C-alpha atoms as a PDB file:
ATOM      1  CA  UNK A   1     150.339 197.863 178.170  1.00  0.00           C
ATOM      2  CA  UNK A   2     153.824 196.397 178.596  1.00  0.00           C
ATOM      3  CA  UNK A   3     156.476 199.094 178.597  1.00  0.00           C
ATOM      4  CA  UNK A   4     160.250 198.746 178.400  1.00  0.00           C
ATOM      5  CA  UNK A   5     162.386 201.641 179.634  1.00  0.00           C
ATOM      6  CA  UNK A   6     166.135 201.955 179.748  1.00  0.00           C
ATOM      7  CA  UNK A   7     169.083 204.289 179.605  1.00  0.00           C
ATOM      8  CA  UNK A   8     171.462 204.015 176.685  1.00  0.00           C
ATOM      9  CA  UNK A   9     174.226 204.140 179.279  1.00  0.00           C
ATOM     10  CA  UNK A  10     176.148 201.622 181.326  1.00  0.00           C
ATOM     11  CA  UNK A  11     176.727 203.962 184.257  1.00  0.00           C
ATOM     12  CA  UNK A  12     175.556 202.544 187.576  1.00  0.00           C
ATOM     13  CA  UNK A  13     174.542 206.088 188.588  1.00  0.00           C
ATOM     14  CA  UNK A  14     172.996 207.008 185.233  1.00  0.00           C
ATOM     15  CA  UNK A  15     170.928 210.169 185.243  1.00  0.00           C
ATOM     16  CA  UNK A  16     169.380 208.889 182.016  1.00  0.00           C
ATOM     17  CA  UNK A  17     168.184 205.783 183.835  1.00  0.00           C
ATOM     18  CA  UNK A  18     166.595 208.028 186.455  1.00  0.00           C
ATOM     19  CA  UNK A  19     164.868 210.026 183.709  1.00  0.00           C
ATOM     20  CA  UNK A  20     163.686 206.916 181.823  1.00  0.00           C
ATOM     21  CA  UNK A  21     162.382 205.355 185.046  1.00  0.00           C
ATOM     22  CA  UNK A  22     160.457 208.484 185.960  1.00  0.00           C
ATOM     23  CA  UNK A  23     159.078 208.835 182.430  1.00  0.00           C
ATOM     24  CA  UNK A  24     157.860 205.224 182.466  1.00  0.00           C
ATOM     25  CA  UNK A  25     156.124 205.806 185.793  1.00  0.00           C
ATOM     26  CA  UNK A  26     153.984 208.458 184.092  1.00  0.00           C
ATOM     27  CA  UNK A  27     152.358 205.936 181.730  1.00  0.00           C
ATOM     28  CA  UNK A  28     149.103 205.061 183.464  1.00  0.00           C
ATOM     29  CA  UNK A  29     148.348 201.406 183.980  1.00  0.00           C
ATOM     30  CA  UNK A  30     151.537 200.211 182.293  1.00  0.00           C
ATOM     31  CA  UNK A  31     153.393 197.078 183.312  1.00  0.00           C
ATOM     32  CA  UNK A  32     156.918 198.516 183.391  1.00  0.00           C
ATOM     33  CA  UNK A  33     160.262 196.812 183.029  1.00  0.00           C
ATOM     34  CA  UNK A  34     163.383 198.888 183.624  1.00  0.00           C
ATOM     35  CA  UNK A  35     166.186 197.275 181.678  1.00  0.00           C
ATOM     36  CA  UNK A  36     169.892 197.689 182.457  1.00  0.00           C
ATOM     37  CA  UNK A  37     172.083 197.416 179.370  1.00  0.00           C
ATOM     38  CA  UNK A  38     174.904 196.143 181.585  1.00  0.00           C
ATOM     39  CA  UNK A  39     173.005 192.844 181.510  1.00  0.00           C
ATOM     40  CA  UNK A  40     173.702 192.691 177.751  1.00  0.00           C
ATOM     41  CA  UNK A  41     177.438 193.347 177.652  1.00  0.00           C
ATOM     42  CA  UNK A  42     179.167 191.618 174.740  1.00  0.00           C
ATOM     43  CA  UNK A  43     182.516 191.768 172.972  1.00  0.00           C
ATOM     44  CA  UNK A  44     182.968 194.806 170.756  1.00  0.00           C
ATOM     45  CA  UNK A  45     181.183 194.122 167.484  1.00  0.00           C
ATOM     46  CA  UNK A  46     183.219 193.402 164.375  1.00  0.00           C
ATOM     47  CA  UNK A  47     182.674 191.314 161.279  1.00  0.00           C
ATOM     48  CA  UNK A  48     185.415 188.963 162.465  1.00  0.00           C
ATOM     49  CA  UNK A  49     183.733 188.451 165.846  1.00  0.00           C
ATOM     50  CA  UNK A  50     180.381 187.905 164.171  1.00  0.00           C
ATOM     51  CA  UNK A  51     181.952 185.260 161.915  1.00  0.00           C
ATOM     52  CA  UNK A  52     183.442 183.609 165.000  1.00  0.00           C
ATOM     53  CA  UNK A  53     180.530 183.957 167.441  1.00  0.00           C
ATOM     54  CA  UNK A  54     177.452 184.182 165.249  1.00  0.00           C
ATOM     55  CA  UNK A  55     174.644 186.068 166.928  1.00  0.00           C
ATOM     56  CA  UNK A  56     175.309 186.158 170.670  1.00  0.00           C
ATOM     57  CA  UNK A  57     172.558 184.938 172.968  1.00  0.00           C
ATOM     58  CA  UNK A  58     172.488 188.299 174.759  1.00  0.00           C
ATOM     59  CA  UNK A  59     171.749 190.145 171.511  1.00  0.00           C
ATOM     60  CA  UNK A  60     168.984 187.635 170.769  1.00  0.00           C
ATOM     61  CA  UNK A  61     167.547 188.150 174.262  1.00  0.00           C
ATOM     62  CA  UNK A  62     167.600 191.930 173.838  1.00  0.00           C
ATOM     63  CA  UNK A  63     165.841 191.667 170.466  1.00  0.00           C
ATOM     64  CA  UNK A  64     163.231 189.339 171.966  1.00  0.00           C
ATOM     65  CA  UNK A  65     162.736 191.745 174.899  1.00  0.00           C
ATOM     66  CA  UNK A  66     161.939 194.557 172.470  1.00  0.00           C
ATOM     67  CA  UNK A  67     159.539 192.288 170.613  1.00  0.00           C
ATOM     68  CA  UNK A  68     157.697 191.352 173.809  1.00  0.00           C
ATOM     69  CA  UNK A  69     156.580 194.886 174.768  1.00  0.00           C
ATOM     70  CA  UNK A  70     154.017 197.384 173.550  1.00  0.00           C
ATOM     71  CA  UNK A  71     156.150 200.500 173.902  1.00  0.00           C
ATOM     72  CA  UNK A  72     159.677 201.671 174.628  1.00  0.00           C
ATOM     73  CA  UNK A  73     161.274 204.624 176.396  1.00  0.00           C
ATOM     74  CA  UNK A  74     164.994 205.161 175.870  1.00  0.00           C
ATOM     75  CA  UNK A  75     166.998 207.962 177.463  1.00  0.00           C
ATOM     76  CA  UNK A  76     170.322 208.586 175.754  1.00  0.00           C
ATOM     77  CA  UNK A  77     173.526 209.568 177.487  1.00  0.00           C
ATOM     78  CA  UNK A  78     175.911 211.512 175.287  1.00  0.00           C
ATOM     79  CA  UNK A  79     179.600 210.717 175.062  1.00  0.00           C
ATOM     80  CA  UNK A  80     181.506 213.221 172.957  1.00  0.00           C
ATOM     81  CA  UNK A  81     178.372 214.103 171.016  1.00  0.00           C
ATOM     82  CA  UNK A  82     177.397 210.530 170.229  1.00  0.00           C
ATOM     83  CA  UNK A  83     176.043 207.267 171.648  1.00  0.00           C
ATOM     84  CA  UNK A  84     177.783 205.594 174.550  1.00  0.00           C
ATOM     85  CA  UNK A  85     180.022 202.738 173.440  1.00  0.00           C
ATOM     86  CA  UNK A  86     177.968 200.297 175.539  1.00  0.00           C
ATOM     87  CA  UNK A  87     174.687 201.181 173.794  1.00  0.00           C
ATOM     88  CA  UNK A  88     176.219 201.368 170.323  1.00  0.00           C
ATOM     89  CA  UNK A  89     177.749 197.922 170.734  1.00  0.00           C
ATOM     90  CA  UNK A  90     174.469 196.384 171.909  1.00  0.00           C
ATOM     91  CA  UNK A  91     172.635 198.082 169.058  1.00  0.00           C
ATOM     92  CA  UNK A  92     175.207 196.926 166.481  1.00  0.00           C
ATOM     93  CA  UNK A  93     174.981 193.283 167.567  1.00  0.00           C
ATOM     94  CA  UNK A  94     171.176 193.409 167.660  1.00  0.00           C
ATOM     95  CA  UNK A  95     170.913 195.031 164.233  1.00  0.00           C
ATOM     96  CA  UNK A  96     172.717 192.020 162.774  1.00  0.00           C
ATOM     97  CA  UNK A  97     169.826 189.808 163.907  1.00  0.00           C
ATOM     98  CA  UNK A  98     167.321 192.056 162.152  1.00  0.00           C
ATOM     99  CA  UNK A  99     167.710 195.625 160.868  1.00  0.00           C
ATOM    100  CA  UNK A 100     164.214 196.257 162.234  1.00  0.00           C
ATOM    101  CA  UNK A 101     165.655 196.355 165.752  1.00  0.00           C
ATOM    102  CA  UNK A 102     162.713 198.308 167.180  1.00  0.00           C
ATOM    103  CA  UNK A 103     160.071 196.130 165.494  1.00  0.00           C
ATOM    104  CA  UNK A 104     157.671 199.028 164.787  1.00  0.00           C
ATOM    105  CA  UNK A 105     157.174 199.681 168.496  1.00  0.00           C
ATOM    106  CA  UNK A 106     155.967 203.117 169.580  1.00  0.00           C
ATOM    107  CA  UNK A 107     158.830 204.892 171.297  1.00  0.00           C
ATOM    108  CA  UNK A 108     159.655 208.006 173.259  1.00  0.00           C
ATOM    109  CA  UNK A 109     163.275 209.050 172.988  1.00  0.00           C
ATOM    110  CA  UNK A 110     164.770 211.160 175.747  1.00  0.00           C
ATOM    111  CA  UNK A 111     168.190 212.506 176.644  1.00  0.00           C
ATOM    112  CA  UNK A 112     169.685 214.435 179.504  1.00  0.00           C
ATOM    113  CA  UNK A 113     173.035 215.658 180.729  1.00  0.00           C
ATOM    114  CA  UNK A 114     174.369 217.728 183.621  1.00  0.00           C
ATOM    115  CA  UNK A 115     175.006 220.619 181.238  1.00  0.00           C
ATOM    116  CA  UNK A 116     172.772 222.996 179.297  1.00  0.00           C
ATOM    117  CA  UNK A 117     172.987 220.945 176.065  1.00  0.00           C
ATOM    118  CA  UNK A 118     170.815 218.162 177.484  1.00  0.00           C
ATOM    119  CA  UNK A 119     172.517 215.582 175.224  1.00  0.00           C
ATOM    120  CA  UNK A 120     170.553 217.082 172.332  1.00  0.00           C
ATOM    121  CA  UNK A 121     173.185 216.044 169.791  1.00  0.00           C
ATOM    122  CA  UNK A 122     172.842 212.320 170.465  1.00  0.00           C
ATOM    123  CA  UNK A 123     169.069 212.670 170.730  1.00  0.00           C
ATOM    124  CA  UNK A 124     168.972 214.224 167.257  1.00  0.00           C
ATOM    125  CA  UNK A 125     171.107 211.374 165.896  1.00  0.00           C
ATOM    126  CA  UNK A 126     168.933 208.749 167.590  1.00  0.00           C
ATOM    127  CA  UNK A 127     165.619 210.235 166.491  1.00  0.00           C
ATOM    128  CA  UNK A 128     166.912 210.787 162.967  1.00  0.00           C
ATOM    129  CA  UNK A 129     168.087 207.215 162.501  1.00  0.00           C
ATOM    130  CA  UNK A 130     165.457 205.331 164.532  1.00  0.00           C
ATOM    131  CA  UNK A 131     162.863 205.091 161.721  1.00  0.00           C
ATOM    132  CA  UNK A 132     165.433 203.243 159.574  1.00  0.00           C
ATOM    133  CA  UNK A 133     165.444 200.586 162.283  1.00  0.00           C
ATOM    134  CA  UNK A 134     161.629 200.275 162.438  1.00  0.00           C
ATOM    135  CA  UNK A 135     161.011 202.666 165.330  1.00  0.00           C
ATOM    136  CA  UNK A 136     157.707 204.474 165.588  1.00  0.00           C
ATOM    137  CA  UNK A 137     159.008 207.580 167.353  1.00  0.00           C
ATOM    138  CA  UNK A 138     156.056 209.292 169.016  1.00  0.00           C
ATOM    139  CA  UNK A 139     157.997 212.047 170.789  1.00  0.00           C
ATOM    140  CA  UNK A 140     161.453 213.238 171.807  1.00  0.00           C
ATOM    141  CA  UNK A 141     162.592 215.427 174.678  1.00  0.00           C
ATOM    142  CA  UNK A 142     165.966 216.738 175.762  1.00  0.00           C
ATOM    143  CA  UNK A 143     166.263 217.695 179.436  1.00  0.00           C
ATOM    144  CA  UNK A 144     169.086 220.170 179.980  1.00  0.00           C
ATOM    145  CA  UNK A 145     170.921 220.715 183.270  1.00  0.00           C
ATOM    146  CA  UNK A 146     169.581 217.532 184.851  1.00  0.00           C
ATOM    147  CA  UNK A 147     170.530 218.366 188.432  1.00  0.00           C
ATOM    148  CA  UNK A 148     168.767 221.753 188.227  1.00  0.00           C
ATOM    149  CA  UNK A 149     165.595 220.314 186.684  1.00  0.00           C
ATOM    150  CA  UNK A 150     165.219 216.900 188.345  1.00  0.00           C
ATOM    151  CA  UNK A 151     164.836 216.205 192.051  1.00  0.00           C
ATOM    152  CA  UNK A 152     166.986 213.126 192.644  1.00  0.00           C
ATOM    153  CA  UNK A 153     165.752 212.683 196.233  1.00  0.00           C
ATOM    154  CA  UNK A 154     162.109 212.480 195.158  1.00  0.00           C
ATOM    155  CA  UNK A 155     162.807 210.920 191.755  1.00  0.00           C
ATOM    156  CA  UNK A 156     160.801 213.340 189.651  1.00  0.00           C
ATOM    157  CA  UNK A 157     161.072 216.474 187.592  1.00  0.00           C
ATOM    158  CA  UNK A 158     161.137 219.702 189.603  1.00  0.00           C
ATOM    159  CA  UNK A 159     160.855 221.954 186.545  1.00  0.00           C
ATOM    160  CA  UNK A 160     157.101 222.106 185.926  1.00  0.00           C
ATOM    161  CA  UNK A 161     157.381 223.095 182.261  1.00  0.00           C
ATOM    162  CA  UNK A 162     159.743 220.199 181.475  1.00  0.00           C
ATOM    163  CA  UNK A 163     157.582 217.872 183.539  1.00  0.00           C
ATOM    164  CA  UNK A 164     154.541 218.781 181.448  1.00  0.00           C
ATOM    165  CA  UNK A 165     156.521 218.284 178.236  1.00  0.00           C
ATOM    166  CA  UNK A 166     157.576 214.852 179.491  1.00  0.00           C
ATOM    167  CA  UNK A 167     154.004 213.954 180.443  1.00  0.00           C
ATOM    168  CA  UNK A 168     152.795 215.042 176.992  1.00  0.00           C
ATOM    169  CA  UNK A 169     155.517 212.929 175.355  1.00  0.00           C
ATOM    170  CA  UNK A 170     154.780 209.703 177.236  1.00  0.00           C
ATOM    171  CA  UNK A 171     151.041 210.178 176.820  1.00  0.00           C
ATOM    172  CA  UNK A 172     151.638 209.533 173.117  1.00  0.00           C
ATOM    173  CA  UNK A 173     152.577 205.949 174.012  1.00  0.00           C
ATOM    174  CA  UNK A 174     149.062 205.238 175.282  1.00  0.00           C
ATOM    175  CA  UNK A 175     147.157 202.972 172.909  1.00  0.00           C
ATOM    176  CA  UNK A 176     144.277 204.656 171.138  1.00  0.00           C
ATOM    177  CA  UNK A 177     141.031 202.739 171.102  1.00  0.00           C
END
């Protein structure tokens, strides 16, 4: 199984990237690629820019990357209750290539934040809209108070209950045969 995992954040110290990386490591036997959305930075999307630029190569590469895997894990950072500008821009450009951005791939959607809300607002928005963009959302999980529940030194969940919930979520990505 080829698995793509990334944080919907452009922070170099993203706690969501740490969560997505750990979650991907729990998928047994998977060939994992951890993507950094900083590698797909483009001008802010607008109709005028699309008319001028067409479909940027980076958006095409991102769409192709999604198409080349068997499953996806995304962990969403929350900025003012919504997507980060970096992720939203990448998503907007990619959706202009094909509205079926996620290409019917099985997905686990995660979110975390330093506070008790666990970025649940953006996770709800993402999981609510994902099916309209051809996502097969298998599970979602919000991890509140990241620094209390995740051991950064070891790179894994320290809260056993949340760890089990995460394991149950990513298990749903395993192909059934």
